[in-house]
């Protein structure tokens, strides 16, 4: 549980730093049609990742993940520096067949923040994101290293880049980290840490 709190605190610091550091920079939640940030009001995304188990679990987990995400624009930093960009709030659902490991599937939801770093006229938009949520896994507590119960919390963090194809479509690629744990509700509590590549497409409204 201590590790879970540490990861969550680090995540909040990373996501909030760009807005906090903005200081007296102009922070706005409103945009006009000619805003040079070209930040969408709302967008939908579908993303696929292949994750492998790292750090601490004796089972060689492999998970094929599918995410369906809705994002809403929230605030922007108007400054000609690396901090220039806009923030988004997101809600996502995940479907994760476990291709290797004691369990067979994980289903979950997550809410979080995403910060997009935007340079004037650039088609490539780097981003960092992260969130927390909950879900259900077909646990096998009798197997060493398997999850201790069906109800499980999750943490997602990602870094990557989006490529703007046109005014509505973007392609994305990045690296995703996922943490699964029941927060110490069972003993032992064999948490699961996963890492892998992620690709996706986004449609902006």
N, C-alpha and C. Protein backbone atom coordinates (compact mmCIF):
# COMPACT_ATOMS: atom_id res chain seq x y z
N UNK A 1 0.83 -1.20 0.00
CA UNK A 1 0.00 0.00 0.00
C UNK A 1 0.87 1.26 0.00
N UNK A 2 2.01 1.20 0.72
CA UNK A 2 2.92 2.33 0.74
C UNK A 2 3.45 2.63 -0.65
N UNK A 3 3.79 1.57 -1.41
CA UNK A 3 4.26 1.77 -2.78
C UNK A 3 3.19 2.38 -3.65
N UNK A 4 1.94 1.99 -3.43
CA UNK A 4 0.81 2.53 -4.21
C UNK A 4 0.67 4.02 -3.96
N UNK A 5 0.79 4.45 -2.69
CA UNK A 5 0.68 5.88 -2.37
C UNK A 5 1.84 6.68 -2.96
N UNK A 6 3.03 6.07 -2.94
CA UNK A 6 4.21 6.75 -3.49
C UNK A 6 4.06 6.96 -4.99
N UNK A 7 3.61 5.93 -5.70
CA UNK A 7 3.41 6.03 -7.15
C UNK A 7 2.36 7.07 -7.48
N UNK A 8 1.26 7.09 -6.71
CA UNK A 8 0.18 8.03 -6.97
C UNK A 8 0.64 9.47 -6.73
N UNK A 9 1.43 9.70 -5.65
CA UNK A 9 1.93 11.04 -5.37
C UNK A 9 2.88 11.52 -6.46
N UNK A 10 3.74 10.62 -6.94
CA UNK A 10 4.65 10.97 -8.03
C UNK A 10 3.89 11.32 -9.29
N UNK A 11 2.85 10.54 -9.58
CA UNK A 11 2.02 10.79 -10.75
C UNK A 11 1.37 12.16 -10.70
N UNK A 12 0.81 12.53 -9.54
CA UNK A 12 0.18 13.84 -9.41
C UNK A 12 1.18 14.97 -9.60
N UNK A 13 2.40 14.80 -9.08
CA UNK A 13 3.43 15.82 -9.24
C UNK A 13 3.79 16.02 -10.70
N UNK A 14 3.98 14.91 -11.43
CA UNK A 14 4.37 15.00 -12.84
C UNK A 14 3.29 15.67 -13.67
N UNK A 15 2.03 15.33 -13.39
CA UNK A 15 0.94 15.86 -14.19
C UNK A 15 0.64 17.31 -13.87
N UNK A 16 0.82 17.72 -12.61
CA UNK A 16 0.46 19.08 -12.22
C UNK A 16 1.61 20.07 -12.39
N UNK A 17 2.84 19.58 -12.54
CA UNK A 17 3.99 20.46 -12.64
C UNK A 17 3.88 21.51 -13.75
N UNK A 18 3.46 21.12 -14.97
CA UNK A 18 3.38 22.14 -16.02
C UNK A 18 2.45 23.28 -15.68
N UNK A 19 1.31 22.99 -15.04
CA UNK A 19 0.37 24.04 -14.69
C UNK A 19 0.88 24.87 -13.52
N UNK A 20 1.48 24.21 -12.54
CA UNK A 20 1.99 24.94 -11.38
C UNK A 20 3.15 25.84 -11.77
N UNK A 21 4.03 25.38 -12.66
CA UNK A 21 5.20 26.12 -13.06
C UNK A 21 4.85 27.31 -13.95
N UNK A 22 3.63 27.29 -14.47
CA UNK A 22 3.23 28.36 -15.39
C UNK A 22 3.24 29.72 -14.70
N UNK A 23 3.02 29.72 -13.37
CA UNK A 23 3.11 30.96 -12.60
C UNK A 23 2.21 32.03 -13.15
N UNK A 24 2.83 33.12 -13.63
CA UNK A 24 2.06 34.24 -14.14
C UNK A 24 1.71 34.09 -15.61
N UNK A 25 2.09 32.98 -16.23
CA UNK A 25 1.71 32.75 -17.61
C UNK A 25 0.20 32.73 -17.72
N UNK A 26 -0.29 33.01 -18.89
CA UNK A 26 -1.74 33.05 -19.08
C UNK A 26 -2.31 31.65 -19.09
N UNK A 27 -3.16 31.36 -18.10
CA UNK A 27 -3.82 30.06 -18.00
C UNK A 27 -5.28 30.27 -18.35
N UNK A 28 -5.75 29.55 -19.37
CA UNK A 28 -7.09 29.80 -19.88
C UNK A 28 -7.83 28.50 -20.06
N UNK A 29 -9.15 28.55 -19.80
CA UNK A 29 -10.01 27.41 -20.10
C UNK A 29 -10.90 27.70 -21.29
N UNK A 30 -10.67 28.83 -21.97
CA UNK A 30 -11.48 29.19 -23.13
C UNK A 30 -10.58 29.41 -24.35
N UNK A 31 -11.07 29.00 -25.51
CA UNK A 31 -10.30 29.11 -26.73
C UNK A 31 -11.19 29.70 -27.82
N UNK A 32 -10.58 30.45 -28.72
CA UNK A 32 -11.28 30.90 -29.90
C UNK A 32 -10.89 30.03 -31.07
N UNK A 33 -11.61 30.13 -32.17
CA UNK A 33 -11.38 29.27 -33.31
C UNK A 33 -10.00 29.47 -33.93
N UNK A 34 -9.40 30.67 -33.71
CA UNK A 34 -8.08 30.93 -34.28
C UNK A 34 -6.98 30.78 -33.24
N UNK A 35 -7.27 30.13 -32.11
CA UNK A 35 -6.27 29.92 -31.08
C UNK A 35 -5.11 29.12 -31.64
N UNK A 36 -3.87 29.61 -31.54
CA UNK A 36 -2.72 28.90 -32.13
C UNK A 36 -2.44 27.54 -31.49
N UNK A 37 -2.97 27.28 -30.29
CA UNK A 37 -2.79 25.96 -29.68
C UNK A 37 -3.61 24.90 -30.41
N UNK A 38 -4.70 25.32 -31.04
CA UNK A 38 -5.56 24.39 -31.78
C UNK A 38 -5.95 23.21 -30.90
N UNK A 39 -6.37 23.51 -29.67
CA UNK A 39 -6.72 22.47 -28.71
C UNK A 39 -8.17 22.03 -28.89
N UNK A 40 -8.43 20.75 -29.07
CA UNK A 40 -9.81 20.29 -29.28
C UNK A 40 -10.64 20.40 -28.02
N UNK A 41 -11.94 20.64 -28.17
CA UNK A 41 -12.85 20.65 -27.03
C UNK A 41 -13.05 19.25 -26.47
N UNK A 42 -13.17 18.27 -27.37
CA UNK A 42 -13.49 16.90 -26.96
C UNK A 42 -12.93 15.95 -28.01
N UNK A 43 -12.45 14.80 -27.56
CA UNK A 43 -11.96 13.80 -28.50
C UNK A 43 -12.17 12.40 -27.96
N UNK A 44 -12.26 11.46 -28.89
CA UNK A 44 -12.39 10.04 -28.57
C UNK A 44 -11.18 9.30 -29.13
N UNK A 45 -10.71 8.31 -28.40
CA UNK A 45 -9.53 7.57 -28.83
C UNK A 45 -9.71 6.09 -28.57
N UNK A 46 -9.08 5.29 -29.42
CA UNK A 46 -8.94 3.86 -29.17
C UNK A 46 -7.46 3.53 -29.25
N UNK A 47 -6.96 2.80 -28.28
CA UNK A 47 -5.53 2.52 -28.18
C UNK A 47 -5.31 1.06 -27.82
N UNK A 48 -4.26 0.50 -28.39
CA UNK A 48 -3.89 -0.90 -28.16
C UNK A 48 -2.48 -0.95 -27.59
N UNK A 49 -2.29 -1.79 -26.58
CA UNK A 49 -0.96 -1.95 -25.98
C UNK A 49 -0.68 -3.43 -25.74
N UNK A 50 0.60 -3.78 -25.78
CA UNK A 50 1.00 -5.13 -25.38
C UNK A 50 1.98 -4.99 -24.22
N UNK A 51 1.55 -5.47 -23.05
CA UNK A 51 2.28 -5.24 -21.82
C UNK A 51 2.87 -6.53 -21.28
N UNK A 52 4.06 -6.42 -20.73
CA UNK A 52 4.73 -7.57 -20.11
C UNK A 52 5.02 -7.23 -18.65
N UNK A 53 4.99 -8.26 -17.81
CA UNK A 53 5.23 -8.07 -16.40
C UNK A 53 6.68 -7.71 -16.10
N UNK A 54 6.87 -6.71 -15.25
CA UNK A 54 8.20 -6.30 -14.81
C UNK A 54 8.16 -6.07 -13.30
N UNK A 55 9.27 -6.24 -12.64
CA UNK A 55 9.45 -5.86 -11.23
C UNK A 55 8.53 -6.64 -10.27
N UNK A 56 9.07 -7.63 -9.64
CA UNK A 56 8.46 -8.14 -8.43
C UNK A 56 7.50 -9.30 -8.49
N UNK A 57 6.95 -9.65 -9.65
CA UNK A 57 6.02 -10.78 -9.70
C UNK A 57 6.70 -11.99 -10.33
N UNK A 58 6.57 -13.18 -9.73
CA UNK A 58 7.26 -14.36 -10.25
C UNK A 58 6.68 -14.91 -11.55
N UNK A 59 5.47 -14.53 -11.89
CA UNK A 59 4.85 -15.01 -13.13
C UNK A 59 5.20 -14.09 -14.30
N UNK A 60 5.43 -14.67 -15.45
CA UNK A 60 5.80 -13.90 -16.65
C UNK A 60 4.52 -13.45 -17.37
N UNK A 61 3.87 -12.45 -16.80
CA UNK A 61 2.61 -11.97 -17.36
C UNK A 61 2.82 -11.31 -18.73
N UNK A 62 1.85 -11.53 -19.61
CA UNK A 62 1.75 -10.80 -20.86
C UNK A 62 0.28 -10.48 -21.09
N UNK A 63 -0.01 -9.23 -21.40
CA UNK A 63 -1.40 -8.78 -21.51
C UNK A 63 -1.59 -7.97 -22.78
N UNK A 64 -2.61 -8.31 -23.56
CA UNK A 64 -2.99 -7.55 -24.74
C UNK A 64 -4.12 -6.60 -24.33
N UNK A 65 -3.83 -5.30 -24.30
CA UNK A 65 -4.76 -4.32 -23.73
C UNK A 65 -5.44 -3.50 -24.82
N UNK A 66 -6.71 -3.22 -24.60
CA UNK A 66 -7.46 -2.34 -25.48
C UNK A 66 -8.14 -1.28 -24.62
N UNK A 67 -7.92 0.00 -24.98
CA UNK A 67 -8.47 1.12 -24.22
C UNK A 67 -9.39 1.96 -25.11
N UNK A 68 -10.49 2.41 -24.52
CA UNK A 68 -11.45 3.30 -25.18
C UNK A 68 -11.57 4.54 -24.31
N UNK A 69 -11.18 5.71 -24.85
CA UNK A 69 -10.98 6.89 -24.02
C UNK A 69 -11.75 8.10 -24.55
N UNK A 70 -12.35 8.85 -23.63
CA UNK A 70 -12.95 10.16 -23.92
C UNK A 70 -12.13 11.22 -23.18
N UNK A 71 -11.77 12.30 -23.89
CA UNK A 71 -10.97 13.37 -23.29
C UNK A 71 -11.65 14.73 -23.49
N UNK A 72 -11.62 15.54 -22.42
CA UNK A 72 -12.16 16.89 -22.45
C UNK A 72 -11.04 17.88 -22.16
N UNK A 73 -10.97 18.95 -22.95
CA UNK A 73 -9.96 19.98 -22.75
C UNK A 73 -10.19 20.70 -21.42
N UNK A 74 -9.08 20.99 -20.71
CA UNK A 74 -9.17 21.69 -19.43
C UNK A 74 -7.89 22.50 -19.21
N UNK A 75 -7.95 23.78 -19.56
CA UNK A 75 -6.84 24.68 -19.30
C UNK A 75 -5.73 24.61 -20.33
N UNK A 76 -4.94 25.69 -20.37
CA UNK A 76 -3.84 25.76 -21.32
C UNK A 76 -2.77 26.69 -20.79
N UNK A 77 -1.55 26.47 -21.23
CA UNK A 77 -0.43 27.35 -20.92
C UNK A 77 0.00 28.03 -22.21
N UNK A 78 -0.23 29.34 -22.32
CA UNK A 78 0.13 30.11 -23.51
C UNK A 78 1.50 30.75 -23.29
N UNK A 79 2.53 30.06 -23.69
CA UNK A 79 3.88 30.58 -23.49
C UNK A 79 4.79 29.95 -24.52
N UNK A 80 5.71 30.73 -25.06
CA UNK A 80 6.62 30.21 -26.07
C UNK A 80 7.80 29.52 -25.38
N UNK A 81 7.54 28.35 -24.82
CA UNK A 81 8.56 27.55 -24.16
C UNK A 81 8.13 26.10 -24.21
N UNK A 82 8.92 25.21 -23.58
CA UNK A 82 8.57 23.79 -23.60
C UNK A 82 7.28 23.52 -22.83
N UNK A 83 6.84 24.45 -21.98
CA UNK A 83 5.61 24.26 -21.22
C UNK A 83 4.34 24.58 -22.02
N UNK A 84 4.50 25.18 -23.18
CA UNK A 84 3.33 25.59 -23.97
C UNK A 84 2.50 24.35 -24.32
N UNK A 85 1.21 24.41 -24.03
CA UNK A 85 0.35 23.27 -24.34
C UNK A 85 -0.98 23.35 -23.63
N UNK A 86 -1.67 22.21 -23.56
CA UNK A 86 -2.98 22.20 -22.93
C UNK A 86 -3.20 20.87 -22.20
N UNK A 87 -4.07 20.96 -21.21
CA UNK A 87 -4.38 19.81 -20.37
C UNK A 87 -5.73 19.21 -20.76
N UNK A 88 -5.90 17.93 -20.46
CA UNK A 88 -7.17 17.25 -20.71
C UNK A 88 -7.51 16.37 -19.51
N UNK A 89 -8.79 16.26 -19.23
CA UNK A 89 -9.32 15.27 -18.30
C UNK A 89 -9.83 14.09 -19.12
N UNK A 90 -9.55 12.87 -18.69
CA UNK A 90 -10.02 11.73 -19.47
C UNK A 90 -10.71 10.68 -18.60
N UNK A 91 -11.58 9.93 -19.26
CA UNK A 91 -12.23 8.75 -18.69
C UNK A 91 -12.04 7.63 -19.69
N UNK A 92 -11.60 6.46 -19.22
CA UNK A 92 -11.38 5.35 -20.15
C UNK A 92 -11.90 4.04 -19.59
N UNK A 93 -12.21 3.14 -20.51
CA UNK A 93 -12.53 1.76 -20.18
C UNK A 93 -11.48 0.86 -20.80
N UNK A 94 -11.13 -0.21 -20.10
CA UNK A 94 -10.09 -1.12 -20.59
C UNK A 94 -10.58 -2.56 -20.62
N UNK A 95 -10.19 -3.24 -21.67
CA UNK A 95 -10.45 -4.67 -21.82
C UNK A 95 -9.10 -5.32 -22.05
N UNK A 96 -8.70 -6.26 -21.17
CA UNK A 96 -7.35 -6.78 -21.20
C UNK A 96 -7.32 -8.31 -21.10
N UNK A 97 -7.32 -8.99 -22.23
CA UNK A 97 -7.09 -10.44 -22.20
C UNK A 97 -5.67 -10.72 -21.72
N UNK A 98 -5.54 -11.63 -20.78
CA UNK A 98 -4.22 -12.01 -20.26
C UNK A 98 -3.74 -13.21 -21.06
N UNK A 99 -2.77 -12.97 -21.93
CA UNK A 99 -2.29 -14.02 -22.83
C UNK A 99 -1.29 -14.96 -22.17
N UNK A 100 -0.68 -14.49 -21.06
CA UNK A 100 0.23 -15.34 -20.31
C UNK A 100 0.16 -14.96 -18.84
N UNK A 101 -0.14 -15.92 -17.99
CA UNK A 101 -0.29 -15.67 -16.58
C UNK A 101 -1.41 -16.52 -16.00
N UNK A 102 -1.54 -16.57 -14.67
CA UNK A 102 -2.56 -17.42 -14.03
C UNK A 102 -3.99 -17.03 -14.37
N UNK A 103 -4.26 -15.71 -14.52
CA UNK A 103 -5.61 -15.25 -14.81
C UNK A 103 -5.85 -15.20 -16.32
N UNK A 104 -7.12 -14.90 -16.67
CA UNK A 104 -7.50 -14.88 -18.09
C UNK A 104 -7.89 -13.50 -18.62
N UNK A 105 -8.37 -12.61 -17.74
CA UNK A 105 -8.83 -11.31 -18.22
C UNK A 105 -8.79 -10.28 -17.10
N UNK A 106 -8.78 -9.02 -17.51
CA UNK A 106 -8.95 -7.89 -16.58
C UNK A 106 -9.82 -6.85 -17.28
N UNK A 107 -10.86 -6.36 -16.59
CA UNK A 107 -11.71 -5.29 -17.08
C UNK A 107 -11.66 -4.15 -16.08
N UNK A 108 -11.51 -2.92 -16.56
CA UNK A 108 -11.42 -1.82 -15.62
C UNK A 108 -11.80 -0.48 -16.21
N UNK A 109 -11.85 0.52 -15.34
CA UNK A 109 -12.08 1.90 -15.72
C UNK A 109 -11.00 2.75 -15.06
N UNK A 110 -10.75 3.94 -15.61
CA UNK A 110 -9.75 4.84 -15.06
C UNK A 110 -10.11 6.28 -15.39
N UNK A 111 -9.76 7.19 -14.50
CA UNK A 111 -9.90 8.62 -14.76
C UNK A 111 -8.55 9.28 -14.50
N UNK A 112 -8.25 10.34 -15.26
CA UNK A 112 -6.94 10.96 -15.08
C UNK A 112 -6.76 12.22 -15.88
N UNK A 113 -5.51 12.62 -16.01
CA UNK A 113 -5.12 13.84 -16.70
C UNK A 113 -4.10 13.53 -17.79
N UNK A 114 -4.13 14.34 -18.82
CA UNK A 114 -3.15 14.25 -19.91
C UNK A 114 -2.69 15.66 -20.26
N UNK A 115 -1.37 15.86 -20.34
CA UNK A 115 -0.84 17.15 -20.75
C UNK A 115 -0.17 17.01 -22.11
N UNK A 116 -0.53 17.92 -23.03
CA UNK A 116 -0.04 17.91 -24.40
C UNK A 116 0.88 19.11 -24.62
N UNK A 117 2.10 18.85 -25.07
CA UNK A 117 3.08 19.91 -25.30
C UNK A 117 3.02 20.31 -26.78
N UNK A 118 2.60 21.56 -27.04
CA UNK A 118 2.30 22.00 -28.40
C UNK A 118 3.26 23.11 -28.84
N UNK A 119 3.94 22.90 -29.95
CA UNK A 119 4.76 23.93 -30.58
C UNK A 119 3.98 24.53 -31.75
N UNK A 120 4.12 25.84 -32.01
CA UNK A 120 3.36 26.47 -33.11
C UNK A 120 3.61 25.77 -34.44
N UNK A 121 2.52 25.37 -35.10
CA UNK A 121 2.60 24.77 -36.41
C UNK A 121 3.10 23.33 -36.46
N UNK A 122 3.38 22.72 -35.31
CA UNK A 122 3.95 21.37 -35.29
C UNK A 122 2.85 20.32 -35.44
N UNK A 123 3.15 19.28 -36.21
CA UNK A 123 2.23 18.14 -36.32
C UNK A 123 2.48 17.11 -35.21
N UNK A 124 3.68 17.08 -34.65
CA UNK A 124 4.00 16.15 -33.58
C UNK A 124 3.72 16.81 -32.23
N UNK A 125 2.93 16.13 -31.39
CA UNK A 125 2.51 16.67 -30.10
C UNK A 125 2.89 15.66 -29.00
N UNK A 126 4.00 15.88 -28.30
CA UNK A 126 4.35 14.99 -27.18
C UNK A 126 3.33 15.13 -26.05
N UNK A 127 3.17 14.04 -25.28
CA UNK A 127 2.22 14.08 -24.17
C UNK A 127 2.72 13.21 -23.01
N UNK A 128 2.18 13.51 -21.83
CA UNK A 128 2.35 12.68 -20.65
C UNK A 128 0.98 12.55 -20.00
N UNK A 129 0.64 11.37 -19.52
CA UNK A 129 -0.68 11.17 -18.94
C UNK A 129 -0.62 10.18 -17.80
N UNK A 130 -1.66 10.20 -16.99
CA UNK A 130 -1.74 9.25 -15.90
C UNK A 130 -3.07 9.32 -15.19
N UNK A 131 -3.47 8.21 -14.58
CA UNK A 131 -4.74 8.18 -13.88
C UNK A 131 -4.84 6.98 -12.97
N UNK A 132 -5.93 6.93 -12.23
CA UNK A 132 -6.19 5.84 -11.31
C UNK A 132 -7.60 5.31 -11.56
N UNK A 133 -7.82 4.05 -11.17
CA UNK A 133 -9.13 3.47 -11.39
C UNK A 133 -9.29 2.16 -10.65
N UNK A 134 -10.25 1.38 -11.10
CA UNK A 134 -10.55 0.10 -10.47
C UNK A 134 -11.02 -0.87 -11.53
N UNK A 135 -11.03 -2.15 -11.16
CA UNK A 135 -11.46 -3.16 -12.12
C UNK A 135 -11.60 -4.53 -11.49
N UNK A 136 -11.81 -5.52 -12.36
CA UNK A 136 -12.07 -6.88 -11.93
C UNK A 136 -11.22 -7.85 -12.74
N UNK A 137 -10.65 -8.81 -12.03
CA UNK A 137 -9.81 -9.83 -12.64
C UNK A 137 -10.30 -11.19 -12.15
N UNK A 138 -10.19 -12.23 -12.97
CA UNK A 138 -10.59 -13.57 -12.51
C UNK A 138 -9.44 -14.17 -11.71
N UNK A 139 -9.32 -13.72 -10.46
CA UNK A 139 -8.18 -14.05 -9.61
C UNK A 139 -8.11 -15.55 -9.30
N UNK A 140 -6.86 -15.99 -9.06
CA UNK A 140 -6.60 -17.38 -8.64
C UNK A 140 -5.68 -17.31 -7.43
N UNK A 141 -6.26 -17.03 -6.27
CA UNK A 141 -5.47 -16.80 -5.07
C UNK A 141 -4.68 -18.02 -4.62
N UNK A 142 -5.06 -19.20 -5.11
CA UNK A 142 -4.35 -20.42 -4.74
C UNK A 142 -3.04 -20.60 -5.52
N UNK A 143 -2.81 -19.75 -6.55
CA UNK A 143 -1.60 -19.84 -7.37
C UNK A 143 -0.58 -18.81 -6.87
N UNK A 144 0.63 -19.24 -6.64
CA UNK A 144 1.67 -18.34 -6.14
C UNK A 144 1.92 -17.20 -7.13
N UNK A 145 1.84 -15.98 -6.65
CA UNK A 145 2.08 -14.81 -7.50
C UNK A 145 0.86 -14.33 -8.24
N UNK A 146 -0.26 -15.07 -8.20
CA UNK A 146 -1.49 -14.61 -8.84
C UNK A 146 -2.16 -13.57 -7.96
N UNK A 147 -3.15 -12.87 -8.50
CA UNK A 147 -3.82 -11.83 -7.75
C UNK A 147 -4.72 -12.43 -6.67
N UNK A 148 -4.79 -11.71 -5.51
CA UNK A 148 -5.43 -12.28 -4.34
C UNK A 148 -6.94 -12.21 -4.32
N UNK A 149 -7.55 -11.31 -5.12
CA UNK A 149 -9.00 -11.21 -5.18
C UNK A 149 -9.41 -10.58 -6.50
N UNK A 150 -10.71 -10.67 -6.82
CA UNK A 150 -11.19 -10.17 -8.11
C UNK A 150 -11.14 -8.65 -8.20
N UNK A 151 -11.55 -7.95 -7.12
CA UNK A 151 -11.58 -6.50 -7.14
C UNK A 151 -10.15 -5.96 -7.02
N UNK A 152 -9.77 -5.07 -7.96
CA UNK A 152 -8.39 -4.60 -8.05
C UNK A 152 -8.36 -3.13 -8.46
N UNK A 153 -7.45 -2.37 -7.84
CA UNK A 153 -7.19 -0.99 -8.26
C UNK A 153 -6.16 -0.99 -9.39
N UNK A 154 -6.14 0.12 -10.14
CA UNK A 154 -5.14 0.24 -11.21
C UNK A 154 -4.57 1.66 -11.26
N UNK A 155 -3.34 1.76 -11.69
CA UNK A 155 -2.68 3.03 -11.98
C UNK A 155 -2.13 2.95 -13.40
N UNK A 156 -2.37 3.97 -14.21
CA UNK A 156 -1.86 4.04 -15.57
C UNK A 156 -1.01 5.29 -15.73
N UNK A 157 0.17 5.15 -16.31
CA UNK A 157 0.97 6.31 -16.70
C UNK A 157 1.51 6.06 -18.10
N UNK A 158 1.62 7.11 -18.90
CA UNK A 158 2.08 6.94 -20.28
C UNK A 158 2.82 8.19 -20.74
N UNK A 159 3.77 7.99 -21.62
CA UNK A 159 4.42 9.08 -22.34
C UNK A 159 4.45 8.69 -23.82
N UNK A 160 4.34 9.67 -24.69
CA UNK A 160 4.33 9.35 -26.10
C UNK A 160 4.21 10.60 -26.95
N UNK A 161 3.83 10.39 -28.20
CA UNK A 161 3.68 11.49 -29.13
C UNK A 161 2.48 11.22 -30.04
N UNK A 162 1.73 12.28 -30.32
CA UNK A 162 0.62 12.21 -31.27
C UNK A 162 1.04 12.90 -32.56
N UNK A 163 0.62 12.36 -33.67
CA UNK A 163 0.89 12.97 -34.98
C UNK A 163 -0.43 13.44 -35.57
N UNK A 164 -0.51 14.73 -35.85
CA UNK A 164 -1.74 15.31 -36.38
C UNK A 164 -1.84 15.05 -37.88
N UNK A 165 -2.76 14.17 -38.26
CA UNK A 165 -2.95 13.83 -39.67
C UNK A 165 -3.73 14.93 -40.39
N UNK A 166 -4.83 15.38 -39.77
CA UNK A 166 -5.60 16.50 -40.31
C UNK A 166 -6.32 17.17 -39.14
N UNK A 167 -7.35 17.97 -39.43
CA UNK A 167 -8.02 18.72 -38.38
C UNK A 167 -8.76 17.84 -37.38
N UNK A 168 -9.04 16.60 -37.73
CA UNK A 168 -9.80 15.73 -36.85
C UNK A 168 -9.04 14.49 -36.37
N UNK A 169 -8.15 13.96 -37.18
CA UNK A 169 -7.52 12.68 -36.88
C UNK A 169 -6.08 12.84 -36.42
N UNK A 170 -5.71 12.05 -35.39
CA UNK A 170 -4.34 11.95 -34.94
C UNK A 170 -3.98 10.48 -34.73
N UNK A 171 -2.73 10.14 -35.00
CA UNK A 171 -2.19 8.82 -34.67
C UNK A 171 -1.24 8.99 -33.49
N UNK A 172 -1.23 8.02 -32.58
CA UNK A 172 -0.41 8.14 -31.38
C UNK A 172 0.45 6.89 -31.19
N UNK A 173 1.61 7.10 -30.55
CA UNK A 173 2.50 6.00 -30.18
C UNK A 173 3.21 6.38 -28.90
N UNK A 174 3.39 5.41 -28.01
CA UNK A 174 4.03 5.72 -26.75
C UNK A 174 4.36 4.49 -25.94
N UNK A 175 4.75 4.72 -24.69
CA UNK A 175 5.07 3.67 -23.74
C UNK A 175 4.10 3.79 -22.57
N UNK A 176 3.51 2.65 -22.18
CA UNK A 176 2.52 2.62 -21.11
C UNK A 176 3.01 1.78 -19.94
N UNK A 177 2.80 2.30 -18.73
CA UNK A 177 3.05 1.54 -17.49
C UNK A 177 1.72 1.35 -16.78
N UNK A 178 1.46 0.11 -16.33
CA UNK A 178 0.23 -0.17 -15.60
C UNK A 178 0.56 -0.93 -14.31
N UNK A 179 -0.08 -0.51 -13.23
CA UNK A 179 0.09 -1.16 -11.93
C UNK A 179 -1.26 -1.68 -11.48
N UNK A 180 -1.32 -2.94 -11.09
CA UNK A 180 -2.53 -3.54 -10.54
C UNK A 180 -2.25 -3.98 -9.11
N UNK A 181 -3.17 -3.68 -8.20
CA UNK A 181 -3.02 -4.06 -6.80
C UNK A 181 -4.38 -3.98 -6.12
N UNK A 182 -4.59 -4.82 -5.11
CA UNK A 182 -5.85 -4.72 -4.36
C UNK A 182 -5.71 -3.84 -3.12
N UNK A 183 -4.60 -3.10 -3.03
CA UNK A 183 -4.42 -2.14 -1.94
C UNK A 183 -4.23 -2.79 -0.58
N UNK A 184 -3.70 -4.01 -0.56
CA UNK A 184 -3.45 -4.68 0.72
C UNK A 184 -4.67 -5.33 1.33
N UNK A 185 -5.74 -5.55 0.55
CA UNK A 185 -6.94 -6.17 1.09
C UNK A 185 -6.79 -7.67 1.30
N UNK A 186 -5.77 -8.27 0.69
CA UNK A 186 -5.46 -9.68 0.94
C UNK A 186 -3.99 -9.79 1.34
N UNK A 187 -3.67 -10.88 2.00
CA UNK A 187 -2.30 -11.14 2.40
C UNK A 187 -1.97 -12.60 2.05
N UNK A 188 -1.04 -12.84 1.12
CA UNK A 188 -0.21 -11.82 0.47
C UNK A 188 -0.98 -11.00 -0.57
N UNK A 189 -0.36 -9.89 -0.97
CA UNK A 189 -0.94 -9.01 -1.98
C UNK A 189 0.06 -8.89 -3.14
N UNK A 190 0.07 -9.85 -4.06
CA UNK A 190 1.06 -9.85 -5.15
C UNK A 190 0.69 -8.86 -6.25
N UNK A 191 1.10 -7.62 -6.09
CA UNK A 191 0.79 -6.60 -7.09
C UNK A 191 1.44 -6.95 -8.43
N UNK A 192 0.97 -6.31 -9.47
CA UNK A 192 1.44 -6.59 -10.82
C UNK A 192 1.85 -5.29 -11.49
N UNK A 193 3.08 -5.25 -12.01
CA UNK A 193 3.58 -4.09 -12.75
C UNK A 193 3.83 -4.49 -14.20
N UNK A 194 3.30 -3.71 -15.12
CA UNK A 194 3.34 -4.03 -16.55
C UNK A 194 3.88 -2.85 -17.34
N UNK A 195 4.60 -3.14 -18.41
CA UNK A 195 5.19 -2.10 -19.24
C UNK A 195 5.19 -2.57 -20.69
N UNK A 196 4.91 -1.64 -21.61
CA UNK A 196 4.95 -2.02 -23.02
C UNK A 196 4.56 -0.89 -23.95
N UNK A 197 4.67 -1.14 -25.27
CA UNK A 197 4.34 -0.13 -26.27
C UNK A 197 2.83 0.02 -26.45
N UNK A 198 2.43 1.20 -26.89
CA UNK A 198 1.02 1.50 -27.12
C UNK A 198 0.86 2.33 -28.39
N UNK A 199 -0.10 1.98 -29.22
CA UNK A 199 -0.42 2.76 -30.42
C UNK A 199 -1.92 3.02 -30.44
N UNK A 200 -2.35 4.06 -31.17
CA UNK A 200 -3.76 4.35 -31.21
C UNK A 200 -4.12 5.41 -32.24
N UNK A 201 -5.42 5.66 -32.33
CA UNK A 201 -5.94 6.72 -33.20
C UNK A 201 -6.92 7.56 -32.39
N UNK A 202 -6.98 8.85 -32.71
CA UNK A 202 -7.84 9.79 -31.99
C UNK A 202 -8.65 10.61 -32.98
N UNK A 203 -9.92 10.82 -32.66
CA UNK A 203 -10.77 11.70 -33.47
C UNK A 203 -11.18 12.87 -32.61
N UNK A 204 -10.89 14.08 -33.06
CA UNK A 204 -11.21 15.31 -32.33
C UNK A 204 -12.45 15.98 -32.88
N UNK A 205 -13.27 16.55 -31.99
CA UNK A 205 -14.50 17.22 -32.38
C UNK A 205 -14.33 18.74 -32.28
